[in-house]
Amino acid sequence: MNTERLVTMANQIEAFFRAEPDRAVAIDGIATHIRRFWAPRMREAIVAHVAAGGAGLGELAKAAVLRL
């Protein structure tokens, strides 16, 4: 799976949840979306990307991935 594409997708999910005034709810929403709709291989790849520094990921998306 292309890491660049996963980062873009995670940032798009973050953009949707950024309107949520409660930061914790937004992070939970992002994590839940990734858990429900991303294939295990995609989740593993984004977790590995965050472990390597998470370049390009938004703050909320990175926090959500850390919860996975």
N, C-alpha and C. Protein backbone atom coordinates (compact mmCIF):
# COMPACT_ATOMS: atom_id res chain seq x y z
N MET A 1 0.85 -1.19 0.00
CA MET A 1 0.00 0.00 0.00
C MET A 1 0.89 1.24 0.00
N ASN A 2 0.53 2.20 -0.78
CA ASN A 2 1.28 3.44 -0.92
C ASN A 2 1.07 4.31 0.32
N THR A 3 2.13 4.54 1.07
CA THR A 3 2.05 5.31 2.31
C THR A 3 1.57 6.73 2.06
N GLU A 4 2.01 7.31 0.96
CA GLU A 4 1.57 8.67 0.63
C GLU A 4 0.05 8.74 0.49
N ARG A 5 -0.52 7.74 -0.14
CA ARG A 5 -1.97 7.70 -0.32
C ARG A 5 -2.68 7.52 1.02
N LEU A 6 -2.12 6.70 1.91
CA LEU A 6 -2.71 6.50 3.23
C LEU A 6 -2.68 7.79 4.04
N VAL A 7 -1.58 8.53 3.94
CA VAL A 7 -1.46 9.82 4.64
C VAL A 7 -2.52 10.78 4.12
N THR A 8 -2.69 10.82 2.81
CA THR A 8 -3.72 11.69 2.22
C THR A 8 -5.10 11.30 2.71
N MET A 9 -5.39 10.01 2.73
CA MET A 9 -6.70 9.54 3.19
C MET A 9 -6.92 9.88 4.66
N ALA A 10 -5.92 9.65 5.49
CA ALA A 10 -6.04 9.96 6.92
C ALA A 10 -6.25 11.46 7.13
N ASN A 11 -5.57 12.27 6.36
CA ASN A 11 -5.73 13.72 6.48
C ASN A 11 -7.12 14.17 6.01
N GLN A 12 -7.68 13.48 5.03
CA GLN A 12 -9.04 13.79 4.59
C GLN A 12 -10.05 13.46 5.69
N ILE A 13 -9.84 12.35 6.37
CA ILE A 13 -10.71 11.98 7.48
C ILE A 13 -10.57 13.03 8.59
N GLU A 14 -9.34 13.43 8.86
CA GLU A 14 -9.11 14.47 9.87
C GLU A 14 -9.84 15.75 9.50
N ALA A 15 -9.80 16.14 8.23
CA ALA A 15 -10.45 17.37 7.79
C ALA A 15 -11.95 17.33 8.11
N PHE A 16 -12.57 16.17 7.95
CA PHE A 16 -13.99 16.03 8.27
C PHE A 16 -14.22 16.24 9.77
N PHE A 17 -13.39 15.62 10.59
CA PHE A 17 -13.59 15.66 12.04
C PHE A 17 -13.04 16.94 12.68
N ARG A 18 -12.31 17.74 11.95
CA ARG A 18 -11.75 18.98 12.50
C ARG A 18 -12.85 19.94 12.95
N ALA A 19 -14.04 19.83 12.40
CA ALA A 19 -15.16 20.69 12.80
C ALA A 19 -15.67 20.34 14.20
N GLU A 20 -15.32 19.18 14.70
CA GLU A 20 -15.75 18.74 16.04
C GLU A 20 -15.03 19.59 17.08
N PRO A 21 -15.77 20.29 17.94
CA PRO A 21 -15.13 21.16 18.93
C PRO A 21 -14.36 20.41 20.02
N ASP A 22 -14.75 19.19 20.30
CA ASP A 22 -14.09 18.39 21.34
C ASP A 22 -12.97 17.56 20.68
N ARG A 23 -11.74 17.90 21.00
CA ARG A 23 -10.56 17.25 20.39
C ARG A 23 -10.60 15.74 20.59
N ALA A 24 -10.94 15.28 21.79
CA ALA A 24 -10.96 13.84 22.09
C ALA A 24 -12.00 13.12 21.24
N VAL A 25 -13.14 13.74 21.04
CA VAL A 25 -14.20 13.14 20.22
C VAL A 25 -13.72 13.06 18.76
N ALA A 26 -13.05 14.08 18.29
CA ALA A 26 -12.53 14.08 16.92
C ALA A 26 -11.51 12.96 16.73
N ILE A 27 -10.60 12.82 17.67
CA ILE A 27 -9.58 11.76 17.58
C ILE A 27 -10.24 10.39 17.61
N ASP A 28 -11.20 10.21 18.50
CA ASP A 28 -11.92 8.93 18.56
C ASP A 28 -12.65 8.65 17.25
N GLY A 29 -13.24 9.68 16.66
CA GLY A 29 -13.95 9.50 15.39
C GLY A 29 -13.02 9.07 14.27
N ILE A 30 -11.86 9.68 14.21
CA ILE A 30 -10.87 9.31 13.19
C ILE A 30 -10.41 7.88 13.39
N ALA A 31 -10.06 7.54 14.63
CA ALA A 31 -9.59 6.18 14.94
C ALA A 31 -10.67 5.15 14.62
N THR A 32 -11.90 5.45 14.98
CA THR A 32 -13.01 4.53 14.72
C THR A 32 -13.19 4.33 13.22
N HIS A 33 -13.13 5.41 12.45
CA HIS A 33 -13.28 5.31 11.00
C HIS A 33 -12.18 4.41 10.42
N ILE A 34 -10.95 4.64 10.83
CA ILE A 34 -9.84 3.84 10.30
C ILE A 34 -10.01 2.38 10.70
N ARG A 35 -10.40 2.14 11.94
CA ARG A 35 -10.59 0.76 12.42
C ARG A 35 -11.69 0.04 11.64
N ARG A 36 -12.78 0.75 11.35
CA ARG A 36 -13.93 0.13 10.67
C ARG A 36 -13.76 -0.07 9.18
N PHE A 37 -13.14 0.90 8.53
CA PHE A 37 -13.18 0.92 7.07
C PHE A 37 -11.85 0.64 6.37
N TRP A 38 -10.77 0.63 7.09
CA TRP A 38 -9.48 0.34 6.47
C TRP A 38 -9.14 -1.13 6.66
N ALA A 39 -8.56 -1.72 5.65
CA ALA A 39 -8.12 -3.11 5.72
C ALA A 39 -6.96 -3.21 6.72
N PRO A 40 -6.81 -4.38 7.33
CA PRO A 40 -5.71 -4.56 8.30
C PRO A 40 -4.34 -4.15 7.75
N ARG A 41 -4.09 -4.46 6.50
CA ARG A 41 -2.80 -4.10 5.88
C ARG A 41 -2.62 -2.58 5.82
N MET A 42 -3.71 -1.85 5.56
CA MET A 42 -3.65 -0.39 5.53
C MET A 42 -3.37 0.16 6.92
N ARG A 43 -4.07 -0.38 7.92
CA ARG A 43 -3.85 0.06 9.31
C ARG A 43 -2.42 -0.21 9.74
N GLU A 44 -1.91 -1.38 9.43
CA GLU A 44 -0.53 -1.71 9.79
C GLU A 44 0.46 -0.73 9.15
N ALA A 45 0.20 -0.39 7.91
CA ALA A 45 1.10 0.52 7.20
C ALA A 45 1.08 1.93 7.81
N ILE A 46 -0.09 2.43 8.17
CA ILE A 46 -0.16 3.78 8.73
C ILE A 46 0.42 3.80 10.15
N VAL A 47 0.24 2.72 10.90
CA VAL A 47 0.84 2.63 12.23
C VAL A 47 2.37 2.63 12.11
N ALA A 48 2.89 1.88 11.16
CA ALA A 48 4.34 1.85 10.93
C ALA A 48 4.85 3.22 10.50
N HIS A 49 4.06 3.92 9.70
CA HIS A 49 4.44 5.26 9.26
C HIS A 49 4.53 6.21 10.45
N VAL A 50 3.57 6.14 11.36
CA VAL A 50 3.60 6.99 12.54
C VAL A 50 4.79 6.62 13.43
N ALA A 51 5.06 5.34 13.55
CA ALA A 51 6.21 4.89 14.35
C ALA A 51 7.52 5.43 13.78
N ALA A 52 7.54 5.67 12.48
CA ALA A 52 8.73 6.20 11.82
C ALA A 52 8.73 7.73 11.78
N GLY A 53 7.78 8.35 12.47
CA GLY A 53 7.74 9.82 12.54
C GLY A 53 6.45 10.43 12.04
N GLY A 54 5.74 9.73 11.17
CA GLY A 54 4.43 10.21 10.70
C GLY A 54 4.48 11.44 9.82
N ALA A 55 5.50 11.57 9.01
CA ALA A 55 5.63 12.75 8.14
C ALA A 55 4.37 12.96 7.31
N GLY A 56 3.90 14.20 7.30
CA GLY A 56 2.76 14.57 6.48
C GLY A 56 1.41 14.40 7.13
N LEU A 57 1.34 13.67 8.22
CA LEU A 57 0.05 13.46 8.89
C LEU A 57 -0.31 14.66 9.76
N GLY A 58 -1.60 14.99 9.74
CA GLY A 58 -2.08 16.04 10.61
C GLY A 58 -2.02 15.61 12.07
N GLU A 59 -2.07 16.57 12.96
CA GLU A 59 -1.96 16.31 14.40
C GLU A 59 -3.05 15.36 14.90
N LEU A 60 -4.30 15.60 14.50
CA LEU A 60 -5.40 14.74 14.96
C LEU A 60 -5.30 13.34 14.37
N ALA A 61 -4.93 13.26 13.11
CA ALA A 61 -4.79 11.96 12.46
C ALA A 61 -3.69 11.15 13.13
N LYS A 62 -2.58 11.80 13.45
CA LYS A 62 -1.47 11.11 14.08
C LYS A 62 -1.89 10.61 15.47
N ALA A 63 -2.60 11.44 16.22
CA ALA A 63 -3.07 11.03 17.54
C ALA A 63 -4.04 9.85 17.43
N ALA A 64 -4.87 9.86 16.40
CA ALA A 64 -5.83 8.76 16.19
C ALA A 64 -5.10 7.47 15.86
N VAL A 65 -4.09 7.55 15.03
CA VAL A 65 -3.34 6.35 14.65
C VAL A 65 -2.63 5.77 15.89
N LEU A 66 -2.15 6.62 16.76
CA LEU A 66 -1.51 6.15 17.99
C LEU A 66 -2.49 5.37 18.87
N ARG A 67 -3.77 5.63 18.73
CA ARG A 67 -4.80 4.89 19.50
C ARG A 67 -5.10 3.52 18.91
N LEU A 68 -4.67 3.30 17.68
CA LEU A 68 -4.92 2.01 17.06
C LEU A 68 -3.97 1.00 17.69
